[in-house]
Amino acid sequence: MYLPLFSTLTHLSASNPYAGHLIFVPIFAAVVLWIERHRFRGLSARAGAAGLSLTALAVVVGWIAYGVANVPLYVVSFVTAIAGLLLSFFGRRGVREAAFPLGLLLLMVPPPREAMTAIALEVQHSISVFSGVILSAFGIPVVQDGISLRLPGLTLIVAEECSGLRFLLILCVFAAALARTVLTASSSQLMLIMLSVPTALLANALRVAVTSVGAYAIGPEVVTGPLHYYIGKGFWAGALVATIGLALSLRSQTAIGVSTRRAQAGGCVASAP
């Protein structure tokens, strides 16, 4: 029933510049659910019939969504069907324990194209300004005009694809799954997800700036040739490594905080009359 949904998500992930994360969402959700499978041990269902009824209703809605090509409704139907199965096998507590992966699955809904395009234009302008500052810092004569960078004998345009929003959404989904599996404190989890946004934006801005410097120093082939591809992949890999490093740092800080509180509590007990 839901195989066409994943085929559609795969197509959208490849064709929609703001839907690259769609194919990763079910993978990350499945990994989180597998890692947290211990949460379901010992749980029994007391509402098996209700759960199966919910799943059956979701499948009917999914069939309708498939017929009318409504992807958001199709996604909601899939998540509801999974929730119904959890309810039938593990009861309400099982659904609560799976709240995070279920919520993560809702991110399979493609973001509205018009809204993302409007955001991308603002990001393009900011990247153009940032790149202009970097070029000037290297002593390269540049005139920044909107999303254009005019260099001697060369004009670079920060295109919509260069906004980096595609990678930003992928990194946010990755950060959410990483936060859930690595960090225990809710504040640290939220912090990592929030930090993934400026990390992605900075990595993309540096990518465009470095590419612009390369285009001036080497030639326009830096923008159009394979070097452009490798520069981009290098900065994306750096952003992923930075996100993992932030997660490990936050986990370390949380562990130190817990140890300090335990030591203080132990001291208070020891000093009590």
Foldseek 3Di string as FASTA:
>chain_A
DCPVLLVVLVVCLVVPLQSVQLNVLVVLLVVLCVLLVVQQPPAAAPPLVQLVVQLVVLVVQLVVCVVVVPNLSNLVSVLSNVLSNLCNGGNPVSSVSSVLSSVSSSVSRGDDPVVLLVVLQVLLQVLLVLLVVLCVVVVFDWDRDRNWIDGVVDIDGCDSSLSQNNLLVNQLSVLLSLCSNQPDDPVLSVVLSVVSNVLSSVLSSVLVNVLVVCCVVPHPCSVVPCVSVVSSVVSSVVSNVVSVVSSVVSRVVVVVVVVVVVVVVVVVVVPDD
